[in-house]
Amino acid sequence: MPFNWRSHLPVFIKKAYKWLKKRLFYFQMNRQLKKGRVWKSTDLISQLQNAKISSGDHLMVHASMSKIGILEQGPQTFIDALIEVVGPKGLILMPTSPIKGLQLAYVQKQPLFDVKHTPSAMGAISEAFRNYPNVHRSHHPTESVAAWGECAIEYLKDHIAQNTPYHQNSPYGKLIQNKGKILYIGVTLENAGTHLHTLEDALDIGLPVYAPEVFYLDVIDMNRNLLKVETKVHSPIYSKKRRCDELLPMFLSKGVYQEVKIGNAKTLLFDAELMFKVMTEAYLERGVTMYKPFGNQ
């Protein structure tokens, strides 16, 4: 079992590492600017099409703008490229959760979730996307999803029908049912692995991954109506035990994803249906989960 050395580093070393990483990023951005390396929408369209993303596709997108590089018009450049490639018959989904840290700490403060005004904490592209013309947002107070496309409302309408966020009729579950794709652009399962939770909502994996409390949170919808939404949140104890990226070799061996490049970013393109199938089979056969990526060894 691989040793996760990052989790054992002292706090001051982790902070120093983050500082150095940020400084390196700004250095690289400045170097690109001097070279005139700015990504245009046409560049990204070509890269997306080369990755076999095409008209009519349903996409869930997790994206780090800093990893993509300098975009000609900021997030709009990337969003325009996505819309151009999937077209009016396609669908684009992005997580727009308002939570930066642990879910339990967030909901214990009894926050008000305003579908129209509460910002996304999922990065600059996600925040720009939720404000984009003709984009809708689900009412889920902890794991909201924004959607653009012909069936956007259909994908979002049942998100709060159950008290866990990743059930089969959630946007995550519907992407699986509709043979959609997941783009991890400059991120990995470690920091954007929401689809891994669909296994936990579909099957009892024998672990208390959700905290025992049930929360009733205030939500203001787009028509300014006040709703009470029931939800569970993840247990901080088990959130810290996730080893998501250790599942990547299994997914790669089963043909679940391919590696491509979008802008400067290493990108993983997943088949959502096959991902769920492989997760389910691996759990039922060997007890594999994100908490036990090597199963019952």
Protein backbone atom coordinates (compact mmCIF):
# COMPACT_ATOMS: atom_id res chain seq x y z
CA MET A 1 0.00 0.00 0.00
CA PRO A 2 1.61 3.34 -1.04
CA PHE A 3 2.60 5.65 1.78
CA ASN A 4 0.75 8.97 1.71
CA TRP A 5 3.67 11.17 2.79
CA ARG A 6 1.80 14.48 2.32
CA SER A 7 -0.61 13.73 5.15
CA HIS A 8 2.30 13.33 7.57
CA LEU A 9 4.04 16.62 6.84
CA PRO A 10 4.12 19.30 9.57
CA VAL A 11 1.68 22.17 9.05
CA PHE A 12 4.42 24.76 8.49
CA ILE A 13 5.95 22.67 5.69
CA LYS A 14 2.54 22.31 4.02
CA LYS A 15 2.09 26.09 4.16
CA ALA A 16 5.57 26.70 2.76
CA TYR A 17 4.87 24.24 -0.06
CA LYS A 18 1.62 26.04 -0.96
CA TRP A 19 3.44 29.40 -0.94
CA LEU A 20 6.20 28.12 -3.22
CA LYS A 21 3.64 26.53 -5.53
CA LYS A 22 1.78 29.86 -5.83
CA ARG A 23 5.01 31.76 -6.52
CA LEU A 24 5.94 29.26 -9.21
CA PHE A 25 2.51 29.65 -10.79
CA TYR A 26 2.86 33.46 -11.02
CA PHE A 27 6.36 33.07 -12.44
CA GLN A 28 5.07 30.74 -15.14
CA MET A 29 2.14 33.03 -15.94
CA ASN A 30 4.44 36.02 -16.35
CA ARG A 31 6.74 33.99 -18.58
CA GLN A 32 3.79 33.00 -20.78
CA LEU A 33 2.65 36.61 -21.02
CA LYS A 34 6.12 37.69 -22.16
CA LYS A 35 6.06 34.96 -24.80
CA GLY A 36 2.59 36.04 -25.88
CA ARG A 37 1.11 32.61 -25.01
CA VAL A 38 -2.56 33.38 -24.50
CA TRP A 39 -5.20 30.73 -25.14
CA LYS A 40 -8.09 31.71 -27.39
CA SER A 41 -11.48 30.05 -27.60
CA THR A 42 -10.56 28.58 -31.01
CA ASP A 43 -7.50 26.90 -29.46
CA LEU A 44 -9.59 25.26 -26.77
CA ILE A 45 -12.29 24.21 -29.25
CA SER A 46 -9.65 22.38 -31.27
CA GLN A 47 -8.27 20.65 -28.18
CA LEU A 48 -11.72 19.60 -26.96
CA GLN A 49 -12.62 18.20 -30.38
CA ASN A 50 -9.30 16.34 -30.56
CA ALA A 51 -10.26 14.75 -27.23
CA LYS A 52 -13.36 13.33 -29.00
CA ILE A 53 -15.82 15.67 -27.30
CA SER A 54 -18.52 16.45 -29.79
CA SER A 55 -21.95 17.93 -30.45
CA GLY A 56 -24.64 16.51 -28.19
CA ASP A 57 -22.27 15.32 -25.45
CA HIS A 58 -23.24 15.64 -21.80
CA LEU A 59 -20.25 16.90 -19.80
CA MET A 60 -19.55 17.38 -16.10
CA VAL A 61 -16.60 19.78 -15.90
CA HIS A 62 -14.16 20.31 -13.03
CA ALA A 63 -11.60 22.91 -14.08
CA SER A 64 -8.69 24.88 -12.63
CA MET A 65 -8.25 28.08 -14.63
CA SER A 66 -4.73 28.58 -13.27
CA LYS A 67 -3.68 25.20 -14.66
CA ILE A 68 -5.18 25.91 -18.08
CA GLY A 69 -3.09 29.06 -18.40
CA ILE A 70 -3.84 32.58 -19.54
CA LEU A 71 -7.21 32.81 -21.29
CA GLU A 72 -7.87 35.63 -23.74
CA GLN A 73 -11.09 36.74 -22.01
CA GLY A 74 -10.76 34.89 -18.72
CA PRO A 75 -13.31 32.18 -17.88
CA GLN A 76 -15.57 33.28 -20.74
CA THR A 77 -13.02 31.97 -23.24
CA PHE A 78 -13.24 28.49 -21.77
CA ILE A 79 -17.03 28.47 -21.33
CA ASP A 80 -17.59 29.71 -24.89
CA ALA A 81 -15.38 26.89 -26.18
CA LEU A 82 -17.35 24.26 -24.25
CA ILE A 83 -20.68 25.58 -25.53
CA GLU A 84 -19.44 25.72 -29.10
CA VAL A 85 -18.25 22.11 -28.99
CA VAL A 86 -21.29 20.43 -27.36
CA GLY A 87 -23.81 22.66 -29.16
CA PRO A 88 -27.46 23.35 -28.28
CA LYS A 89 -28.32 19.63 -28.06
CA GLY A 90 -25.51 19.02 -25.57
CA LEU A 91 -25.22 19.68 -21.84
CA ILE A 92 -22.60 21.26 -19.61
CA LEU A 93 -22.62 20.72 -15.84
CA MET A 94 -20.33 22.25 -13.23
CA PRO A 95 -20.36 21.78 -9.46
CA THR A 96 -21.07 25.11 -7.72
CA SER A 97 -20.83 24.13 -4.07
CA PRO A 98 -20.49 27.11 -1.71
CA ILE A 99 -18.22 25.11 0.62
CA LYS A 100 -14.43 25.45 0.69
CA GLY A 101 -13.77 23.20 3.68
CA LEU A 102 -15.63 20.43 5.46
CA GLN A 103 -19.37 20.13 4.92
CA LEU A 104 -20.17 19.55 8.59
CA ALA A 105 -18.44 22.74 9.77
CA TYR A 106 -20.30 24.69 7.09
CA VAL A 107 -23.82 23.43 7.82
CA GLN A 108 -23.45 23.72 11.59
CA LYS A 109 -23.54 27.49 11.06
CA GLN A 110 -27.02 27.12 9.49
CA PRO A 111 -26.13 29.08 6.34
CA LEU A 112 -28.69 30.54 3.96
CA PHE A 113 -28.17 29.25 0.43
CA ASP A 114 -29.38 31.71 -2.20
CA VAL A 115 -29.48 29.95 -5.57
CA LYS A 116 -29.04 33.22 -7.45
CA HIS A 117 -26.51 35.03 -5.28
CA THR A 118 -24.47 32.56 -3.19
CA PRO A 119 -21.05 32.27 -4.87
CA SER A 120 -19.51 29.01 -5.96
CA ALA A 121 -16.39 28.03 -4.04
CA MET A 122 -15.27 25.74 -6.88
CA GLY A 123 -13.02 28.20 -8.68
CA ALA A 124 -13.20 31.10 -11.13
CA ILE A 125 -14.62 29.10 -14.04
CA SER A 126 -17.39 27.57 -11.92
CA GLU A 127 -18.34 30.98 -10.51
CA ALA A 128 -18.40 32.56 -13.99
CA PHE A 129 -20.43 29.66 -15.38
CA ARG A 130 -23.22 29.91 -12.79
CA ASN A 131 -23.72 33.57 -13.85
CA TYR A 132 -23.63 32.77 -17.57
CA PRO A 133 -26.72 33.39 -19.74
CA ASN A 134 -29.20 30.49 -19.79
CA VAL A 135 -27.44 28.62 -16.99
CA HIS A 136 -29.61 27.08 -14.25
CA ARG A 137 -28.55 26.01 -10.76
CA SER A 138 -29.89 23.26 -8.54
CA HIS A 139 -31.36 23.96 -5.10
CA HIS A 140 -29.04 21.71 -3.15
CA PRO A 141 -27.53 23.83 -0.34
CA THR A 142 -24.20 21.97 -0.04
CA GLU A 143 -23.57 20.37 -3.46
CA SER A 144 -25.38 22.56 -5.98
CA VAL A 145 -24.74 22.03 -9.68
CA ALA A 146 -25.08 24.55 -12.53
CA ALA A 147 -26.21 23.41 -15.96
CA TRP A 148 -26.45 24.77 -19.51
CA GLY A 149 -28.16 22.98 -22.37
CA GLU A 150 -31.36 21.54 -23.72
CA CYS A 151 -32.05 19.24 -20.74
CA ALA A 152 -30.49 21.38 -17.99
CA ILE A 153 -33.69 21.72 -15.94
CA GLU A 154 -34.43 18.00 -16.26
CA TYR A 155 -31.00 17.20 -14.82
CA LEU A 156 -31.40 19.59 -11.87
CA LYS A 157 -35.04 19.27 -10.85
CA ASP A 158 -34.71 16.20 -8.57
CA HIS A 159 -31.48 17.13 -6.82
CA ILE A 160 -33.18 17.77 -3.45
CA ALA A 161 -35.62 14.87 -3.73
CA GLN A 162 -33.43 12.80 -1.38
CA ASN A 163 -31.34 13.81 1.60
CA THR A 164 -27.96 12.87 0.14
CA PRO A 165 -26.49 14.83 -2.79
CA TYR A 166 -25.28 12.07 -5.14
CA HIS A 167 -28.32 9.80 -5.52
CA GLN A 168 -29.35 8.27 -8.85
CA ASN A 169 -31.70 11.16 -9.72
CA SER A 170 -29.19 13.85 -8.85
CA PRO A 171 -27.27 15.56 -11.67
CA TYR A 172 -24.38 13.20 -10.86
CA GLY A 173 -26.59 10.13 -11.19
CA LYS A 174 -28.32 11.37 -14.34
CA LEU A 175 -24.96 11.94 -16.03
CA ILE A 176 -24.22 8.24 -15.47
CA GLN A 177 -27.62 7.18 -16.80
CA ASN A 178 -27.21 9.36 -19.90
CA LYS A 179 -23.73 8.05 -20.74
CA GLY A 180 -22.09 11.40 -20.06
CA LYS A 181 -18.45 12.31 -19.69
CA ILE A 182 -16.46 13.95 -16.89
CA LEU A 183 -13.59 16.36 -17.54
CA TYR A 184 -10.99 16.85 -14.81
CA ILE A 185 -9.00 19.80 -16.17
CA GLY A 186 -5.93 20.49 -14.06
CA VAL A 187 -7.50 18.63 -11.14
CA THR A 188 -7.82 14.96 -10.16
CA LEU A 189 -10.10 12.75 -8.10
CA GLU A 190 -8.25 13.92 -5.00
CA ASN A 191 -9.71 17.43 -5.19
CA ALA A 192 -12.70 16.93 -7.52
CA GLY A 193 -13.92 13.39 -6.96
CA THR A 194 -17.63 14.06 -6.50
CA HIS A 195 -18.63 11.20 -8.78
CA LEU A 196 -16.94 8.73 -6.45
CA HIS A 197 -19.73 9.47 -3.98
CA THR A 198 -22.36 8.03 -6.33
CA LEU A 199 -21.23 4.58 -5.18
CA GLU A 200 -21.91 5.48 -1.54
CA ASP A 201 -25.39 6.74 -2.35
CA ALA A 202 -26.21 3.67 -4.45
CA LEU A 203 -24.84 0.98 -2.11
CA ASP A 204 -24.27 0.49 1.60
CA ILE A 205 -20.49 0.20 1.68
CA GLY A 206 -20.46 -0.60 5.38
CA LEU A 207 -18.86 2.67 6.50
CA PRO A 208 -20.52 5.67 8.20
CA VAL A 209 -19.39 8.08 5.49
CA TYR A 210 -22.22 10.46 6.38
CA ALA A 211 -22.40 12.19 9.77
CA PRO A 212 -25.40 10.97 11.82
CA GLU A 213 -27.16 14.36 11.98
CA VAL A 214 -29.74 15.43 9.42
CA PHE A 215 -29.78 19.15 8.65
CA TYR A 216 -32.65 21.35 7.47
CA LEU A 217 -31.19 24.31 5.63
CA ASP A 218 -32.80 27.46 4.27
CA VAL A 219 -32.70 27.88 0.50
CA ILE A 220 -33.97 30.83 -1.54
CA ASP A 221 -34.87 29.72 -5.06
CA MET A 222 -34.73 31.80 -8.25
CA ASN A 223 -38.30 33.00 -7.66
CA ARG A 224 -37.28 34.24 -4.19
CA ASN A 225 -39.26 31.53 -2.40
CA LEU A 226 -37.88 30.22 0.89
CA LEU A 227 -37.44 26.43 1.01
CA LYS A 228 -36.36 24.07 3.77
CA VAL A 229 -34.06 21.43 2.34
CA GLU A 230 -33.15 18.26 4.21
CA THR A 231 -29.61 16.96 3.74
CA LYS A 232 -26.91 14.82 5.26
CA VAL A 233 -23.24 15.77 5.09
CA HIS A 234 -20.03 13.79 5.02
CA SER A 235 -18.34 12.70 8.23
CA PRO A 236 -15.09 14.65 8.70
CA ILE A 237 -13.52 11.48 10.09
CA TYR A 238 -14.04 9.59 6.84
CA SER A 239 -13.42 12.61 4.63
CA LYS A 240 -9.85 12.59 5.94
CA LYS A 241 -9.47 8.90 5.10
CA ARG A 242 -10.12 9.23 1.37
CA ARG A 243 -7.36 8.08 -0.99
CA CYS A 244 -9.08 8.96 -4.23
CA ASP A 245 -6.16 9.13 -6.65
CA GLU A 246 -5.06 5.64 -5.64
CA LEU A 247 -8.08 4.45 -7.67
CA LEU A 248 -6.66 5.91 -10.90
CA PRO A 249 -4.59 2.84 -11.89
CA MET A 250 -7.71 0.66 -11.63
CA PHE A 251 -9.75 3.08 -13.73
CA LEU A 252 -6.98 3.36 -16.32
CA SER A 253 -6.60 -0.43 -16.61
CA LYS A 254 -10.36 -0.73 -17.27
CA GLY A 255 -10.38 1.98 -19.94
CA VAL A 256 -12.48 4.36 -17.83
CA TYR A 257 -10.46 7.44 -18.74
CA GLN A 258 -7.89 8.84 -21.11
CA GLU A 259 -5.40 11.61 -20.57
CA VAL A 260 -5.58 14.65 -22.85
CA LYS A 261 -4.50 18.28 -22.66
CA ILE A 262 -6.67 21.38 -22.45
CA GLY A 263 -4.68 24.60 -22.56
CA ASN A 264 -1.62 23.82 -20.46
CA ALA A 265 -3.54 21.50 -18.16
CA LYS A 266 -3.19 17.77 -17.84
CA THR A 267 -6.77 16.61 -18.25
CA LEU A 268 -8.53 13.35 -17.46
CA LEU A 269 -11.58 12.52 -19.58
CA PHE A 270 -13.80 9.93 -17.84
CA ASP A 271 -16.69 7.83 -19.11
CA ALA A 272 -19.23 8.38 -16.30
CA GLU A 273 -21.23 5.19 -16.92
CA LEU A 274 -18.13 2.98 -17.10
CA MET A 275 -16.65 4.67 -14.04
CA PHE A 276 -19.73 3.76 -11.99
CA LYS A 277 -19.79 0.20 -13.38
CA VAL A 278 -16.12 -0.38 -12.53
CA MET A 279 -16.54 1.12 -9.04
CA THR A 280 -19.56 -1.07 -8.34
CA GLU A 281 -17.93 -4.27 -9.56
CA ALA A 282 -14.70 -3.56 -7.69
CA TYR A 283 -16.59 -2.97 -4.46
CA LEU A 284 -18.81 -6.04 -4.78
CA GLU A 285 -15.90 -8.30 -5.78
CA ARG A 286 -13.04 -6.98 -3.63
CA GLY A 287 -14.38 -4.28 -1.27
CA VAL A 288 -12.67 -1.46 -3.17
CA THR A 289 -13.68 2.09 -2.21
CA MET A 290 -11.93 5.44 -2.05
CA TYR A 291 -11.22 4.58 1.60
CA LYS A 292 -9.80 1.14 0.71
CA PRO A 293 -8.47 1.54 -2.86
CA PHE A 294 -6.86 -1.92 -2.74
CA GLY A 295 -9.90 -3.60 -1.28
CA ASN A 296 -9.87 -6.37 1.29
CA GLN A 297 -6.18 -7.13 1.17
